[in-house]
Amino acid sequence: MSISNYLENKLLDVLRNQSFAVATVYLKLHLGDPGEDGTSNAAANTSRQTVSFSAASSGSMASSAAVTWTSVPNTETYTHWSAWDASSAGNCLWSGALSSSASVTAGDTFQITSLTLTLD
């Protein structure tokens, strides 16, 4: 799991009394490591889905609801995700690997269930 350079700088700026908040977080799927800026190995499914999180505790937080992509456009294998501050364009915040790769067929529904996406 990796925090993007963008988010690292925003979090450091909080120590300079600079406020920072993200209204909505969006997840994107990848076929390999998305890289520091979240743009590598993008899945054919370009739609980003909203994700919500429970309150942080002990240096960790987990997704509080399922995140679902319906009718995926291609047959492929998802291995990673990236989190963004916008539904398109925007800034990559975080990225990581799925706990196991997920092979999907065009037309399938893919879901990351509640409490299985953890940031720490």
C-alpha atoms as a PDB file:
ATOM      1  CA  MET A   1       0.000   0.000   0.000  1.00  0.00           C
ATOM      2  CA  SER A   2       1.303   3.427  -0.858  1.00  0.00           C
ATOM      3  CA  ILE A   3       0.270   6.969  -0.055  1.00  0.00           C
ATOM      4  CA  SER A   4       0.733   9.208  -3.104  1.00  0.00           C
ATOM      5  CA  ASN A   5       3.242  12.063  -3.119  1.00  0.00           C
ATOM      6  CA  TYR A   6       0.270  14.436  -3.389  1.00  0.00           C
ATOM      7  CA  LEU A   7      -1.316  13.132  -0.183  1.00  0.00           C
ATOM      8  CA  GLU A   8       2.024  12.957   1.645  1.00  0.00           C
ATOM      9  CA  ASN A   9       2.534  16.671   0.989  1.00  0.00           C
ATOM     10  CA  LYS A  10      -1.041  17.558   2.019  1.00  0.00           C
ATOM     11  CA  LEU A  11      -0.671  15.630   5.289  1.00  0.00           C
ATOM     12  CA  LEU A  12       2.663  17.290   6.040  1.00  0.00           C
ATOM     13  CA  ASP A  13       1.129  20.708   5.373  1.00  0.00           C
ATOM     14  CA  VAL A  14      -1.409  20.015   8.147  1.00  0.00           C
ATOM     15  CA  LEU A  15       1.540  20.511  10.524  1.00  0.00           C
ATOM     16  CA  ARG A  16       1.843  24.028   9.088  1.00  0.00           C
ATOM     17  CA  ASN A  17      -1.786  24.731  10.046  1.00  0.00           C
ATOM     18  CA  GLN A  18      -2.978  24.189   6.473  1.00  0.00           C
ATOM     19  CA  SER A  19      -6.396  22.543   6.419  1.00  0.00           C
ATOM     20  CA  PHE A  20      -7.043  19.600   4.132  1.00  0.00           C
ATOM     21  CA  ALA A  21     -10.131  17.494   3.531  1.00  0.00           C
ATOM     22  CA  VAL A  22     -11.444  15.186   0.846  1.00  0.00           C
ATOM     23  CA  ALA A  23     -15.215  15.313   0.451  1.00  0.00           C
ATOM     24  CA  THR A  24     -15.566  12.024  -1.432  1.00  0.00           C
ATOM     25  CA  VAL A  25     -13.084   9.238  -2.157  1.00  0.00           C
ATOM     26  CA  TYR A  26     -13.340   7.252  -5.406  1.00  0.00           C
ATOM     27  CA  LEU A  27     -11.791   3.860  -6.196  1.00  0.00           C
ATOM     28  CA  LYS A  28     -10.320   2.828  -9.537  1.00  0.00           C
ATOM     29  CA  LEU A  29      -9.279  -0.694 -10.542  1.00  0.00           C
ATOM     30  CA  HIS A  30      -5.912  -1.749 -11.982  1.00  0.00           C
ATOM     31  CA  LEU A  31      -4.314  -4.788 -13.630  1.00  0.00           C
ATOM     32  CA  GLY A  32      -0.992  -4.226 -11.863  1.00  0.00           C
ATOM     33  CA  ASP A  33       0.723  -1.726  -9.582  1.00  0.00           C
ATOM     34  CA  PRO A  34      -0.823   1.708 -10.284  1.00  0.00           C
ATOM     35  CA  GLY A  35       2.423   3.516  -9.437  1.00  0.00           C
ATOM     36  CA  GLU A  36       2.907   6.589  -7.289  1.00  0.00           C
ATOM     37  CA  ASP A  37       0.519   8.742  -9.347  1.00  0.00           C
ATOM     38  CA  GLY A  38      -2.115   6.005  -9.829  1.00  0.00           C
ATOM     39  CA  THR A  39      -1.999   6.061 -13.628  1.00  0.00           C
ATOM     40  CA  SER A  40      -0.165   2.818 -14.499  1.00  0.00           C
ATOM     41  CA  ASN A  41      -1.830  -0.485 -15.391  1.00  0.00           C
ATOM     42  CA  ALA A  42      -5.358   0.899 -15.510  1.00  0.00           C
ATOM     43  CA  ALA A  43      -8.197  -1.563 -15.981  1.00  0.00           C
ATOM     44  CA  ALA A  44     -10.476  -1.196 -19.000  1.00  0.00           C
ATOM     45  CA  ASN A  45     -13.203  -0.319 -16.498  1.00  0.00           C
ATOM     46  CA  THR A  46     -12.466   3.394 -16.160  1.00  0.00           C
ATOM     47  CA  SER A  47     -15.378   4.243 -13.870  1.00  0.00           C
ATOM     48  CA  ARG A  48     -14.451   5.191 -10.328  1.00  0.00           C
ATOM     49  CA  GLN A  49     -16.812   4.196  -7.555  1.00  0.00           C
ATOM     50  CA  THR A  50     -17.305   6.020  -4.265  1.00  0.00           C
ATOM     51  CA  VAL A  51     -15.975   4.423  -1.113  1.00  0.00           C
ATOM     52  CA  SER A  52     -16.720   5.355   2.477  1.00  0.00           C
ATOM     53  CA  PHE A  53     -14.681   4.535   5.559  1.00  0.00           C
ATOM     54  CA  SER A  54     -15.302   3.970   9.228  1.00  0.00           C
ATOM     55  CA  ALA A  55     -13.495   6.188  11.728  1.00  0.00           C
ATOM     56  CA  ALA A  56      -9.774   5.560  12.054  1.00  0.00           C
ATOM     57  CA  SER A  57      -8.653   3.556  15.064  1.00  0.00           C
ATOM     58  CA  SER A  58      -5.205   2.308  16.089  1.00  0.00           C
ATOM     59  CA  GLY A  59      -3.668   3.725  12.906  1.00  0.00           C
ATOM     60  CA  SER A  60      -6.068   1.977  10.540  1.00  0.00           C
ATOM     61  CA  MET A  61      -9.478   2.372   8.919  1.00  0.00           C
ATOM     62  CA  ALA A  62     -11.646   0.101   6.794  1.00  0.00           C
ATOM     63  CA  SER A  63     -14.269   0.591   4.127  1.00  0.00           C
ATOM     64  CA  SER A  64     -17.709   0.858   5.699  1.00  0.00           C
ATOM     65  CA  ALA A  65     -19.799  -0.290   2.732  1.00  0.00           C
ATOM     66  CA  ALA A  66     -19.421  -2.451  -0.344  1.00  0.00           C
ATOM     67  CA  VAL A  67     -17.962  -0.871  -3.490  1.00  0.00           C
ATOM     68  CA  THR A  68     -19.492  -2.283  -6.681  1.00  0.00           C
ATOM     69  CA  TRP A  69     -18.712  -2.069 -10.392  1.00  0.00           C
ATOM     70  CA  THR A  70     -21.543  -3.422 -12.566  1.00  0.00           C
ATOM     71  CA  SER A  71     -21.287  -4.763 -16.105  1.00  0.00           C
ATOM     72  CA  VAL A  72     -17.487  -4.574 -16.366  1.00  0.00           C
ATOM     73  CA  PRO A  73     -16.456  -3.856 -19.979  1.00  0.00           C
ATOM     74  CA  ASN A  74     -13.633  -6.388 -20.496  1.00  0.00           C
ATOM     75  CA  THR A  75     -12.478  -9.826 -19.471  1.00  0.00           C
ATOM     76  CA  GLU A  76      -9.387  -9.151 -17.319  1.00  0.00           C
ATOM     77  CA  THR A  77      -7.826  -9.712 -13.915  1.00  0.00           C
ATOM     78  CA  TYR A  78      -7.907  -6.963 -11.285  1.00  0.00           C
ATOM     79  CA  THR A  79      -4.938  -6.949  -8.915  1.00  0.00           C
ATOM     80  CA  HIS A  80      -4.739  -3.397  -7.516  1.00  0.00           C
ATOM     81  CA  TRP A  81      -6.782  -0.305  -6.704  1.00  0.00           C
ATOM     82  CA  SER A  82      -6.160   3.414  -6.425  1.00  0.00           C
ATOM     83  CA  ALA A  83      -8.097   6.013  -4.423  1.00  0.00           C
ATOM     84  CA  TRP A  84      -8.827   9.460  -5.857  1.00  0.00           C
ATOM     85  CA  ASP A  85     -10.349  12.767  -4.768  1.00  0.00           C
ATOM     86  CA  ALA A  86     -12.516  13.076  -7.911  1.00  0.00           C
ATOM     87  CA  SER A  87     -14.689  10.844 -10.093  1.00  0.00           C
ATOM     88  CA  SER A  88     -12.455  11.691 -13.062  1.00  0.00           C
ATOM     89  CA  ALA A  89      -9.119  13.492 -13.307  1.00  0.00           C
ATOM     90  CA  GLY A  90      -8.302  14.782  -9.793  1.00  0.00           C
ATOM     91  CA  ASN A  91      -5.479  13.600  -7.539  1.00  0.00           C
ATOM     92  CA  CYS A  92      -4.455  10.090  -6.634  1.00  0.00           C
ATOM     93  CA  LEU A  93      -4.456   9.696  -2.850  1.00  0.00           C
ATOM     94  CA  TRP A  94      -3.515   6.113  -2.120  1.00  0.00           C
ATOM     95  CA  SER A  95      -3.024   2.776  -3.866  1.00  0.00           C
ATOM     96  CA  GLY A  96      -2.642  -0.857  -2.951  1.00  0.00           C
ATOM     97  CA  ALA A  97      -3.046  -4.476  -3.953  1.00  0.00           C
ATOM     98  CA  LEU A  98      -6.236  -6.467  -3.627  1.00  0.00           C
ATOM     99  CA  SER A  99      -5.912  -9.307  -1.089  1.00  0.00           C
ATOM    100  CA  SER A 100      -6.189 -11.672  -4.059  1.00  0.00           C
ATOM    101  CA  SER A 101      -6.452 -11.095  -7.785  1.00  0.00           C
ATOM    102  CA  ALA A 102      -9.947 -11.184  -9.253  1.00  0.00           C
ATOM    103  CA  SER A 103     -10.660 -12.490 -12.747  1.00  0.00           C
ATOM    104  CA  VAL A 104     -13.776 -11.015 -14.300  1.00  0.00           C
ATOM    105  CA  THR A 105     -15.586 -11.604 -17.570  1.00  0.00           C
ATOM    106  CA  ALA A 106     -17.137  -8.801 -19.602  1.00  0.00           C
ATOM    107  CA  GLY A 107     -20.598  -8.116 -18.188  1.00  0.00           C
ATOM    108  CA  ASP A 108     -19.742  -9.334 -14.666  1.00  0.00           C
ATOM    109  CA  THR A 109     -20.261  -7.396 -11.462  1.00  0.00           C
ATOM    110  CA  PHE A 110     -17.162  -6.904  -9.310  1.00  0.00           C
ATOM    111  CA  GLN A 111     -17.428  -5.979  -5.642  1.00  0.00           C
ATOM    112  CA  ILE A 112     -15.079  -5.115  -2.803  1.00  0.00           C
ATOM    113  CA  THR A 113     -17.125  -6.023   0.234  1.00  0.00           C
ATOM    114  CA  SER A 114     -17.525  -3.876   3.333  1.00  0.00           C
ATOM    115  CA  LEU A 115     -14.601  -3.875   5.778  1.00  0.00           C
ATOM    116  CA  THR A 116     -12.205  -5.535   3.310  1.00  0.00           C
ATOM    117  CA  LEU A 117     -10.436  -2.407   2.044  1.00  0.00           C
ATOM    118  CA  THR A 118      -8.173  -1.299   4.857  1.00  0.00           C
ATOM    119  CA  LEU A 119      -5.869   1.718   4.965  1.00  0.00           C
ATOM    120  CA  ASP A 120      -3.065   1.744   7.498  1.00  0.00           C
END
